[in-house]
PDB file of all heavy atoms in Angstrom:
ATOM      1  N   ALA A   1      -9.755  14.080  15.861  1.00  0.00           N
ATOM      2  CA  ALA A   1      -9.351  14.187  14.465  1.00  0.00           C
ATOM      3  C   ALA A   1      -9.391  12.927  13.757  1.00  0.00           C
ATOM      4  O   ALA A   1      -8.824  12.685  12.725  1.00  0.00           O
ATOM      5  CB  ALA A   1      -7.874  14.765  14.449  1.00  0.00           C
ATOM      6  N   GLN A   2     -10.005  11.873  14.348  1.00  0.00           N
ATOM      7  CA  GLN A   2     -10.170  10.496  13.771  1.00  0.00           C
ATOM      8  C   GLN A   2     -11.646  10.231  13.771  1.00  0.00           C
ATOM      9  O   GLN A   2     -12.419  10.746  14.649  1.00  0.00           O
ATOM     10  CB  GLN A   2      -9.443   9.457  14.501  1.00  0.00           C
ATOM     11  CG  GLN A   2      -7.975   9.418  14.171  1.00  0.00           C
ATOM     12  CD  GLN A   2      -7.341   8.155  14.889  1.00  0.00           C
ATOM     13  OE1 GLN A   2      -7.144   8.019  16.041  1.00  0.00           O
ATOM     14  NE2 GLN A   2      -6.909   7.201  14.042  1.00  0.00           N
ATOM     15  N   PRO A   3     -12.128   9.302  13.015  1.00  0.00           N
ATOM     16  CA  PRO A   3     -13.625   8.781  12.988  1.00  0.00           C
ATOM     17  C   PRO A   3     -13.803   8.258  14.418  1.00  0.00           C
ATOM     18  O   PRO A   3     -12.896   7.503  14.955  1.00  0.00           O
ATOM     19  CB  PRO A   3     -13.700   7.790  11.997  1.00  0.00           C
ATOM     20  CG  PRO A   3     -12.553   8.163  10.969  1.00  0.00           C
ATOM     21  CD  PRO A   3     -11.432   8.810  11.801  1.00  0.00           C
ATOM     22  N   ASN A   4     -14.910   8.543  15.002  1.00  0.00           N
ATOM     23  CA  ASN A   4     -15.242   8.033  16.362  1.00  0.00           C
ATOM     24  C   ASN A   4     -15.780   6.636  16.246  1.00  0.00           C
ATOM     25  O   ASN A   4     -16.678   6.359  15.599  1.00  0.00           O
ATOM     26  CB  ASN A   4     -16.298   9.051  17.002  1.00  0.00           C
ATOM     27  CG  ASN A   4     -16.552   8.693  18.447  1.00  0.00           C
ATOM     28  OD1 ASN A   4     -15.654   8.061  19.102  1.00  0.00           O
ATOM     29  ND2 ASN A   4     -17.647   9.143  18.974  1.00  0.00           N
ATOM     30  N   GLY A   5     -15.116   5.729  16.984  1.00  0.00           N
ATOM     31  CA  GLY A   5     -15.615   4.311  17.001  1.00  0.00           C
ATOM     32  C   GLY A   5     -14.363   3.451  17.231  1.00  0.00           C
ATOM     33  O   GLY A   5     -13.318   3.788  17.597  1.00  0.00           O
ATOM     34  N   ASP A   6     -14.677   2.106  16.987  1.00  0.00           N
ATOM     35  CA  ASP A   6     -13.682   1.112  16.991  1.00  0.00           C
ATOM     36  C   ASP A   6     -13.076   0.959  15.792  1.00  0.00           C
ATOM     37  O   ASP A   6     -13.701   0.743  14.695  1.00  0.00           O
ATOM     38  CB  ASP A   6     -14.331  -0.205  17.445  1.00  0.00           C
ATOM     39  CG  ASP A   6     -14.824  -0.143  18.943  1.00  0.00           C
ATOM     40  OD1 ASP A   6     -14.082  -0.171  19.853  1.00  0.00           O
ATOM     41  OD2 ASP A   6     -16.132  -0.080  19.030  1.00  0.00           O
ATOM     42  N   VAL A   7     -11.628   0.950  15.823  1.00  0.00           N
ATOM     43  CA  VAL A   7     -10.850   0.858  14.584  1.00  0.00           C
ATOM     44  C   VAL A   7     -10.059  -0.420  14.532  1.00  0.00           C
ATOM     45  O   VAL A   7      -9.444  -0.791  15.606  1.00  0.00           O
ATOM     46  CB  VAL A   7      -9.932   2.064  14.384  1.00  0.00           C
ATOM     47  CG1 VAL A   7      -8.918   1.983  13.348  1.00  0.00           C
ATOM     48  CG2 VAL A   7     -10.655   3.373  14.429  1.00  0.00           C
ATOM     49  N   LEU A   8     -10.205  -1.092  13.508  1.00  0.00           N
ATOM     50  CA  LEU A   8      -9.359  -2.367  13.285  1.00  0.00           C
ATOM     51  C   LEU A   8      -8.134  -2.045  12.476  1.00  0.00           C
ATOM     52  O   LEU A   8      -8.276  -1.597  11.334  1.00  0.00           O
ATOM     53  CB  LEU A   8     -10.309  -3.403  12.550  1.00  0.00           C
ATOM     54  CG  LEU A   8      -9.518  -4.795  12.170  1.00  0.00           C
ATOM     55  CD1 LEU A   8      -9.091  -5.358  13.445  1.00  0.00           C
ATOM     56  CD2 LEU A   8     -10.525  -5.687  11.487  1.00  0.00           C
ATOM     57  N   SER A   9      -7.065  -2.132  13.061  1.00  0.00           N
ATOM     58  CA  SER A   9      -5.728  -2.023  12.356  1.00  0.00           C
ATOM     59  C   SER A   9      -5.093  -3.262  12.057  1.00  0.00           C
ATOM     60  O   SER A   9      -4.903  -4.090  13.058  1.00  0.00           O
ATOM     61  CB  SER A   9      -4.881  -1.167  13.221  1.00  0.00           C
ATOM     62  OG  SER A   9      -3.600  -0.907  12.708  1.00  0.00           O
ATOM     63  N   ALA A  10      -4.702  -3.541  10.832  1.00  0.00           N
ATOM     64  CA  ALA A  10      -4.192  -4.847  10.402  1.00  0.00           C
ATOM     65  C   ALA A  10      -3.043  -4.525   9.515  1.00  0.00           C
ATOM     66  O   ALA A  10      -2.977  -3.592   8.673  1.00  0.00           O
ATOM     67  CB  ALA A  10      -5.171  -5.722   9.903  1.00  0.00           C
ATOM     68  N   SER A  11      -1.970  -5.399   9.536  1.00  0.00           N
ATOM     69  CA  SER A  11      -0.926  -5.225   8.648  1.00  0.00           C
ATOM     70  C   SER A  11      -0.184  -6.596   8.376  1.00  0.00           C
ATOM     71  O   SER A  11      -0.415  -7.543   9.135  1.00  0.00           O
ATOM     72  CB  SER A  11       0.270  -4.308   9.265  1.00  0.00           C
ATOM     73  OG  SER A  11       0.846  -5.016  10.314  1.00  0.00           O
ATOM     74  N   ALA A  12       0.523  -6.724   7.293  1.00  0.00           N
ATOM     75  CA  ALA A  12       1.281  -7.808   6.835  1.00  0.00           C
ATOM     76  C   ALA A  12       2.534  -7.351   6.180  1.00  0.00           C
ATOM     77  O   ALA A  12       2.430  -6.404   5.295  1.00  0.00           O
ATOM     78  CB  ALA A  12       0.440  -8.751   6.005  1.00  0.00           C
ATOM     79  N   THR A  13       3.651  -8.043   6.405  1.00  0.00           N
ATOM     80  CA  THR A  13       4.946  -7.794   5.719  1.00  0.00           C
ATOM     81  C   THR A  13       5.327  -8.903   4.690  1.00  0.00           C
ATOM     82  O   THR A  13       5.293 -10.044   5.113  1.00  0.00           O
ATOM     83  CB  THR A  13       5.964  -7.532   6.776  1.00  0.00           C
ATOM     84  OG1 THR A  13       5.699  -6.368   7.592  1.00  0.00           O
ATOM     85  CG2 THR A  13       7.277  -7.148   6.038  1.00  0.00           C
ATOM     86  N   ILE A  14       5.674  -8.474   3.535  1.00  0.00           N
ATOM     87  CA  ILE A  14       6.030  -9.429   2.542  1.00  0.00           C
ATOM     88  C   ILE A  14       7.439  -9.078   1.990  1.00  0.00           C
ATOM     89  O   ILE A  14       7.867  -7.805   2.055  1.00  0.00           O
ATOM     90  CB  ILE A  14       5.019  -9.559   1.369  1.00  0.00           C
ATOM     91  CG1 ILE A  14       4.819  -8.258   0.704  1.00  0.00           C
ATOM     92  CG2 ILE A  14       3.694  -9.968   1.874  1.00  0.00           C
ATOM     93  CD1 ILE A  14       3.969  -8.234  -0.522  1.00  0.00           C
ATOM     94  N   TRP A  15       8.068  -9.930   1.287  1.00  0.00           N
ATOM     95  CA  TRP A  15       9.376  -9.647   0.606  1.00  0.00           C
ATOM     96  C   TRP A  15       9.126  -9.825  -0.818  1.00  0.00           C
ATOM     97  O   TRP A  15       8.488 -10.717  -1.313  1.00  0.00           O
ATOM     98  CB  TRP A  15      10.426 -10.629   1.120  1.00  0.00           C
ATOM     99  CG  TRP A  15      11.731 -10.543   0.343  1.00  0.00           C
ATOM    100  CD1 TRP A  15      12.682  -9.561   0.532  1.00  0.00           C
ATOM    101  CD2 TRP A  15      12.183 -11.367  -0.730  1.00  0.00           C
ATOM    102  NE1 TRP A  15      13.732  -9.710  -0.271  1.00  0.00           N
ATOM    103  CE2 TRP A  15      13.481 -10.715  -1.103  1.00  0.00           C
ATOM    104  CE3 TRP A  15      11.705 -12.423  -1.432  1.00  0.00           C
ATOM    105  CZ2 TRP A  15      14.279 -11.342  -2.133  1.00  0.00           C
ATOM    106  CZ3 TRP A  15      12.476 -13.005  -2.468  1.00  0.00           C
ATOM    107  CH2 TRP A  15      13.684 -12.359  -2.795  1.00  0.00           C
ATOM    108  N   LEU A  16       9.677  -8.731  -1.565  1.00  0.00           N
ATOM    109  CA  LEU A  16       9.636  -8.801  -2.990  1.00  0.00           C
ATOM    110  C   LEU A  16      11.004  -8.710  -3.636  1.00  0.00           C
ATOM    111  O   LEU A  16      11.873  -7.994  -3.141  1.00  0.00           O
ATOM    112  CB  LEU A  16       8.759  -7.597  -3.544  1.00  0.00           C
ATOM    113  CG  LEU A  16       7.401  -7.491  -3.151  1.00  0.00           C
ATOM    114  CD1 LEU A  16       6.757  -6.225  -3.716  1.00  0.00           C
ATOM    115  CD2 LEU A  16       6.578  -8.703  -3.747  1.00  0.00           C
ATOM    116  N   PRO A  17      11.280  -9.580  -4.703  1.00  0.00           N
ATOM    117  CA  PRO A  17      12.650  -9.582  -5.222  1.00  0.00           C
ATOM    118  C   PRO A  17      12.945  -8.383  -6.224  1.00  0.00           C
ATOM    119  O   PRO A  17      13.322  -8.648  -7.370  1.00  0.00           O
ATOM    120  CB  PRO A  17      12.657 -10.999  -5.986  1.00  0.00           C
ATOM    121  CG  PRO A  17      11.305 -11.166  -6.404  1.00  0.00           C
ATOM    122  CD  PRO A  17      10.391 -10.552  -5.302  1.00  0.00           C
ATOM    123  N   LEU A  18      12.596  -7.151  -5.802  1.00  0.00           N
ATOM    124  CA  LEU A  18      12.733  -5.966  -6.570  1.00  0.00           C
ATOM    125  C   LEU A  18      13.431  -4.923  -5.812  1.00  0.00           C
ATOM    126  O   LEU A  18      13.222  -4.866  -4.543  1.00  0.00           O
ATOM    127  CB  LEU A  18      11.433  -5.531  -7.116  1.00  0.00           C
ATOM    128  CG  LEU A  18      10.558  -6.500  -8.091  1.00  0.00           C
ATOM    129  CD1 LEU A  18       9.199  -5.942  -8.336  1.00  0.00           C
ATOM    130  CD2 LEU A  18      11.402  -6.640  -9.410  1.00  0.00           C
ATOM    131  N   PRO A  19      14.127  -3.957  -6.422  1.00  0.00           N
ATOM    132  CA  PRO A  19      14.755  -2.841  -5.687  1.00  0.00           C
ATOM    133  C   PRO A  19      13.615  -2.076  -5.101  1.00  0.00           C
ATOM    134  O   PRO A  19      12.510  -1.815  -5.652  1.00  0.00           O
ATOM    135  CB  PRO A  19      15.540  -2.085  -6.805  1.00  0.00           C
ATOM    136  CG  PRO A  19      15.702  -3.156  -7.870  1.00  0.00           C
ATOM    137  CD  PRO A  19      14.633  -4.034  -7.792  1.00  0.00           C
ATOM    138  N   PRO A  20      13.827  -1.413  -3.875  1.00  0.00           N
ATOM    139  CA  PRO A  20      12.802  -0.506  -3.233  1.00  0.00           C
ATOM    140  C   PRO A  20      12.374   0.596  -4.121  1.00  0.00           C
ATOM    141  O   PRO A  20      11.211   0.912  -4.126  1.00  0.00           O
ATOM    142  CB  PRO A  20      13.532  -0.079  -1.939  1.00  0.00           C
ATOM    143  CG  PRO A  20      14.504  -1.109  -1.749  1.00  0.00           C
ATOM    144  CD  PRO A  20      15.049  -1.590  -3.083  1.00  0.00           C
ATOM    145  N   ASP A  21      13.276   1.201  -4.857  1.00  0.00           N
ATOM    146  CA  ASP A  21      12.891   2.285  -5.832  1.00  0.00           C
ATOM    147  C   ASP A  21      11.802   1.900  -6.734  1.00  0.00           C
ATOM    148  O   ASP A  21      10.868   2.593  -7.053  1.00  0.00           O
ATOM    149  CB  ASP A  21      14.067   2.889  -6.456  1.00  0.00           C
ATOM    150  CG  ASP A  21      14.981   3.661  -5.536  1.00  0.00           C
ATOM    151  OD1 ASP A  21      14.654   3.796  -4.282  1.00  0.00           O
ATOM    152  OD2 ASP A  21      16.054   4.095  -5.952  1.00  0.00           O
ATOM    153  N   ASN A  22      12.030   0.734  -7.387  1.00  0.00           N
ATOM    154  CA  ASN A  22      11.086   0.251  -8.333  1.00  0.00           C
ATOM    155  C   ASN A  22       9.675   0.026  -7.778  1.00  0.00           C
ATOM    156  O   ASN A  22       8.659   0.381  -8.310  1.00  0.00           O
ATOM    157  CB  ASN A  22      11.539  -1.002  -8.996  1.00  0.00           C
ATOM    158  CG  ASN A  22      12.803  -0.783  -9.858  1.00  0.00           C
ATOM    159  OD1 ASN A  22      13.324   0.341  -9.955  1.00  0.00           O
ATOM    160  ND2 ASN A  22      13.300  -1.837 -10.539  1.00  0.00           N
ATOM    161  N   VAL A  23       9.691  -0.548  -6.543  1.00  0.00           N
ATOM    162  CA  VAL A  23       8.483  -0.893  -5.897  1.00  0.00           C
ATOM    163  C   VAL A  23       7.704   0.357  -5.486  1.00  0.00           C
ATOM    164  O   VAL A  23       6.590   0.560  -5.620  1.00  0.00           O
ATOM    165  CB  VAL A  23       8.727  -1.673  -4.542  1.00  0.00           C
ATOM    166  CG1 VAL A  23       7.472  -1.885  -3.813  1.00  0.00           C
ATOM    167  CG2 VAL A  23       9.318  -2.933  -4.953  1.00  0.00           C
ATOM    168  N   PHE A  24       8.499   1.414  -5.039  1.00  0.00           N
ATOM    169  CA  PHE A  24       7.955   2.763  -4.611  1.00  0.00           C
ATOM    170  C   PHE A  24       7.258   3.405  -5.796  1.00  0.00           C
ATOM    171  O   PHE A  24       6.244   3.931  -5.775  1.00  0.00           O
ATOM    172  CB  PHE A  24       8.995   3.614  -3.923  1.00  0.00           C
ATOM    173  CG  PHE A  24       8.523   5.016  -3.789  1.00  0.00           C
ATOM    174  CD1 PHE A  24       7.666   5.406  -2.860  1.00  0.00           C
ATOM    175  CD2 PHE A  24       9.103   5.985  -4.657  1.00  0.00           C
ATOM    176  CE1 PHE A  24       7.335   6.729  -2.607  1.00  0.00           C
ATOM    177  CE2 PHE A  24       8.700   7.368  -4.397  1.00  0.00           C
ATOM    178  CZ  PHE A  24       7.822   7.675  -3.486  1.00  0.00           C
ATOM    179  N   ASN A  25       7.991   3.415  -6.982  1.00  0.00           N
ATOM    180  CA  ASN A  25       7.453   4.059  -8.186  1.00  0.00           C
ATOM    181  C   ASN A  25       6.181   3.392  -8.670  1.00  0.00           C
ATOM    182  O   ASN A  25       5.260   4.084  -9.150  1.00  0.00           O
ATOM    183  CB  ASN A  25       8.492   4.098  -9.357  1.00  0.00           C
ATOM    184  CG  ASN A  25       9.678   5.006  -9.020  1.00  0.00           C
ATOM    185  OD1 ASN A  25       9.455   5.992  -8.279  1.00  0.00           O
ATOM    186  ND2 ASN A  25      10.854   4.616  -9.526  1.00  0.00           N
ATOM    187  N   PHE A  26       6.042   2.158  -8.477  1.00  0.00           N
ATOM    188  CA  PHE A  26       4.839   1.364  -8.828  1.00  0.00           C
ATOM    189  C   PHE A  26       3.605   1.807  -8.028  1.00  0.00           C
ATOM    190  O   PHE A  26       2.558   2.130  -8.541  1.00  0.00           O
ATOM    191  CB  PHE A  26       5.086  -0.101  -8.736  1.00  0.00           C
ATOM    192  CG  PHE A  26       3.825  -0.956  -8.943  1.00  0.00           C
ATOM    193  CD1 PHE A  26       3.297  -1.132 -10.130  1.00  0.00           C
ATOM    194  CD2 PHE A  26       3.239  -1.489  -7.750  1.00  0.00           C
ATOM    195  CE1 PHE A  26       2.106  -1.841 -10.237  1.00  0.00           C
ATOM    196  CE2 PHE A  26       2.077  -2.248  -7.931  1.00  0.00           C
ATOM    197  CZ  PHE A  26       1.526  -2.474  -9.085  1.00  0.00           C
ATOM    198  N   PHE A  27       3.831   1.893  -6.682  1.00  0.00           N
ATOM    199  CA  PHE A  27       2.769   2.197  -5.774  1.00  0.00           C
ATOM    200  C   PHE A  27       2.372   3.718  -5.850  1.00  0.00           C
ATOM    201  O   PHE A  27       1.137   4.019  -5.601  1.00  0.00           O
ATOM    202  CB  PHE A  27       3.184   1.886  -4.305  1.00  0.00           C
ATOM    203  CG  PHE A  27       3.113   0.462  -4.047  1.00  0.00           C
ATOM    204  CD1 PHE A  27       4.150  -0.272  -3.512  1.00  0.00           C
ATOM    205  CD2 PHE A  27       1.996  -0.360  -4.325  1.00  0.00           C
ATOM    206  CE1 PHE A  27       4.200  -1.653  -3.288  1.00  0.00           C
ATOM    207  CE2 PHE A  27       1.997  -1.766  -4.075  1.00  0.00           C
ATOM    208  CZ  PHE A  27       3.114  -2.406  -3.583  1.00  0.00           C
ATOM    209  N   ARG A  28       3.259   4.644  -6.015  1.00  0.00           N
ATOM    210  CA  ARG A  28       2.833   6.064  -5.935  1.00  0.00           C
ATOM    211  C   ARG A  28       2.271   6.527  -7.267  1.00  0.00           C
ATOM    212  O   ARG A  28       1.631   7.613  -7.276  1.00  0.00           O
ATOM    213  CB  ARG A  28       4.148   6.883  -5.710  1.00  0.00           C
ATOM    214  CG  ARG A  28       5.083   7.003  -6.913  1.00  0.00           C
ATOM    215  CD  ARG A  28       6.253   7.928  -6.570  1.00  0.00           C
ATOM    216  NE  ARG A  28       7.216   8.101  -7.723  1.00  0.00           N
ATOM    217  CZ  ARG A  28       7.084   8.980  -8.728  1.00  0.00           C
ATOM    218  NH1 ARG A  28       6.013   9.736  -8.696  1.00  0.00           N
ATOM    219  NH2 ARG A  28       8.000   9.065  -9.663  1.00  0.00           N
ATOM    220  N   ASP A  29       2.368   5.800  -8.346  1.00  0.00           N
ATOM    221  CA  ASP A  29       1.783   6.200  -9.653  1.00  0.00           C
ATOM    222  C   ASP A  29       0.312   5.948  -9.683  1.00  0.00           C
ATOM    223  O   ASP A  29      -0.134   4.842  -9.624  1.00  0.00           O
ATOM    224  CB  ASP A  29       2.461   5.451 -10.813  1.00  0.00           C
ATOM    225  CG  ASP A  29       2.248   6.012 -12.273  1.00  0.00           C
ATOM    226  OD1 ASP A  29       1.225   6.805 -12.269  1.00  0.00           O
ATOM    227  OD2 ASP A  29       3.030   5.761 -13.113  1.00  0.00           O
ATOM    228  N   GLU A  30      -0.469   7.009  -9.989  1.00  0.00           N
ATOM    229  CA  GLU A  30      -1.927   6.849  -9.904  1.00  0.00           C
ATOM    230  C   GLU A  30      -2.397   5.953 -11.199  1.00  0.00           C
ATOM    231  O   GLU A  30      -3.481   5.364 -11.039  1.00  0.00           O
ATOM    232  CB  GLU A  30      -2.675   8.215  -9.987  1.00  0.00           C
ATOM    233  CG  GLU A  30      -2.560   8.960 -11.211  1.00  0.00           C
ATOM    234  CD  GLU A  30      -1.272   9.721 -11.496  1.00  0.00           C
ATOM    235  OE1 GLU A  30      -0.384   9.678 -10.601  1.00  0.00           O
ATOM    236  OE2 GLU A  30      -1.101  10.412 -12.385  1.00  0.00           O
ATOM    237  N   ARG A  31      -1.622   5.829 -12.140  1.00  0.00           N
ATOM    238  CA  ARG A  31      -1.887   5.043 -13.343  1.00  0.00           C
ATOM    239  C   ARG A  31      -1.936   3.555 -13.034  1.00  0.00           C
ATOM    240  O   ARG A  31      -2.662   2.808 -13.720  1.00  0.00           O
ATOM    241  CB  ARG A  31      -1.019   5.384 -14.498  1.00  0.00           C
ATOM    242  CG  ARG A  31      -1.159   6.818 -15.098  1.00  0.00           C
ATOM    243  CD  ARG A  31      -0.126   7.245 -16.036  1.00  0.00           C
ATOM    244  NE  ARG A  31       1.225   7.169 -15.392  1.00  0.00           N
ATOM    245  CZ  ARG A  31       2.287   7.453 -16.014  1.00  0.00           C
ATOM    246  NH1 ARG A  31       2.228   7.793 -17.335  1.00  0.00           N
ATOM    247  NH2 ARG A  31       3.500   7.401 -15.242  1.00  0.00           N
ATOM    248  N   THR A  32      -1.086   3.199 -12.101  1.00  0.00           N
ATOM    249  CA  THR A  32      -0.983   1.762 -11.760  1.00  0.00           C
ATOM    250  C   THR A  32      -1.818   1.381 -10.519  1.00  0.00           C
ATOM    251  O   THR A  32      -1.870   0.232 -10.130  1.00  0.00           O
ATOM    252  CB  THR A  32       0.477   1.394 -11.485  1.00  0.00           C
ATOM    253  OG1 THR A  32       0.935   2.181 -10.469  1.00  0.00           O
ATOM    254  CG2 THR A  32       1.214   1.592 -12.796  1.00  0.00           C
ATOM    255  N   ARG A  33      -2.454   2.382  -9.904  1.00  0.00           N
ATOM    256  CA  ARG A  33      -3.182   2.092  -8.735  1.00  0.00           C
ATOM    257  C   ARG A  33      -4.324   1.057  -8.925  1.00  0.00           C
ATOM    258  O   ARG A  33      -4.408   0.119  -8.055  1.00  0.00           O
ATOM    259  CB  ARG A  33      -3.763   3.464  -8.173  1.00  0.00           C
ATOM    260  CG  ARG A  33      -4.312   3.256  -6.806  1.00  0.00           C
ATOM    261  CD  ARG A  33      -5.061   4.505  -6.233  1.00  0.00           C
ATOM    262  NE  ARG A  33      -5.390   4.382  -4.839  1.00  0.00           N
ATOM    263  CZ  ARG A  33      -4.600   4.823  -3.873  1.00  0.00           C
ATOM    264  NH1 ARG A  33      -3.433   5.362  -4.184  1.00  0.00           N
ATOM    265  NH2 ARG A  33      -4.873   4.603  -2.576  1.00  0.00           N
ATOM    266  N   PRO A  34      -5.061   1.050  -9.945  1.00  0.00           N
ATOM    267  CA  PRO A  34      -6.183   0.113 -10.039  1.00  0.00           C
ATOM    268  C   PRO A  34      -5.640  -1.393 -10.037  1.00  0.00           C
ATOM    269  O   PRO A  34      -6.308  -2.249  -9.799  1.00  0.00           O
ATOM    270  CB  PRO A  34      -6.871   0.401 -11.350  1.00  0.00           C
ATOM    271  CG  PRO A  34      -6.464   1.845 -11.612  1.00  0.00           C
ATOM    272  CD  PRO A  34      -5.170   2.130 -11.023  1.00  0.00           C
ATOM    273  N   GLN A  35      -4.320  -1.495 -10.330  1.00  0.00           N
ATOM    274  CA  GLN A  35      -3.702  -2.875 -10.350  1.00  0.00           C
ATOM    275  C   GLN A  35      -3.544  -3.584  -9.027  1.00  0.00           C
ATOM    276  O   GLN A  35      -3.505  -4.825  -8.994  1.00  0.00           O
ATOM    277  CB  GLN A  35      -2.404  -2.847 -11.086  1.00  0.00           C
ATOM    278  CG  GLN A  35      -2.480  -2.388 -12.554  1.00  0.00           C
ATOM    279  CD  GLN A  35      -1.068  -2.348 -13.253  1.00  0.00           C
ATOM    280  OE1 GLN A  35      -0.182  -3.048 -12.903  1.00  0.00           O
ATOM    281  NE2 GLN A  35      -0.908  -1.348 -14.180  1.00  0.00           N
ATOM    282  N   TRP A  36      -3.452  -2.662  -7.982  1.00  0.00           N
ATOM    283  CA  TRP A  36      -3.192  -3.293  -6.671  1.00  0.00           C
ATOM    284  C   TRP A  36      -4.143  -2.886  -5.630  1.00  0.00           C
ATOM    285  O   TRP A  36      -4.308  -3.573  -4.521  1.00  0.00           O
ATOM    286  CB  TRP A  36      -1.753  -2.859  -6.199  1.00  0.00           C
ATOM    287  CG  TRP A  36      -1.569  -1.418  -6.066  1.00  0.00           C
ATOM    288  CD1 TRP A  36      -1.014  -0.712  -7.046  1.00  0.00           C
ATOM    289  CD2 TRP A  36      -1.775  -0.524  -4.859  1.00  0.00           C
ATOM    290  NE1 TRP A  36      -0.959   0.707  -6.522  1.00  0.00           N
ATOM    291  CE2 TRP A  36      -1.397   0.725  -5.226  1.00  0.00           C
ATOM    292  CE3 TRP A  36      -2.277  -0.767  -3.636  1.00  0.00           C
ATOM    293  CZ2 TRP A  36      -1.478   1.794  -4.411  1.00  0.00           C
ATOM    294  CZ3 TRP A  36      -2.410   0.217  -2.742  1.00  0.00           C
ATOM    295  CH2 TRP A  36      -1.983   1.506  -3.119  1.00  0.00           C
ATOM    296  N   ASP A  37      -4.902  -1.795  -5.745  1.00  0.00           N
ATOM    297  CA  ASP A  37      -5.833  -1.205  -4.738  1.00  0.00           C
ATOM    298  C   ASP A  37      -7.206  -1.926  -4.927  1.00  0.00           C
ATOM    299  O   ASP A  37      -7.914  -1.598  -5.823  1.00  0.00           O
ATOM    300  CB  ASP A  37      -5.993   0.279  -4.897  1.00  0.00           C
ATOM    301  CG  ASP A  37      -6.853   0.867  -3.823  1.00  0.00           C
ATOM    302  OD1 ASP A  37      -7.190   0.020  -2.954  1.00  0.00           O
ATOM    303  OD2 ASP A  37      -6.947   2.140  -3.771  1.00  0.00           O
ATOM    304  N   VAL A  38      -7.397  -2.958  -4.133  1.00  0.00           N
ATOM    305  CA  VAL A  38      -8.673  -3.714  -4.264  1.00  0.00           C
ATOM    306  C   VAL A  38      -9.963  -2.933  -3.982  1.00  0.00           C
ATOM    307  O   VAL A  38     -11.017  -3.162  -4.538  1.00  0.00           O
ATOM    308  CB  VAL A  38      -8.666  -4.957  -3.260  1.00  0.00           C
ATOM    309  CG1 VAL A  38      -7.576  -5.891  -3.673  1.00  0.00           C
ATOM    310  CG2 VAL A  38      -8.503  -4.460  -1.844  1.00  0.00           C
TER     311      VAL A  38
END
């Protein structure tokens, strides 16, 4: 149920001086997606 091959998994954790609800609403909104999704 996954693409067959070698998968590179990478992550980074950062801290933002904003409440978690505000950050979540920013990421889930499709209208703001072009601002952060490279």
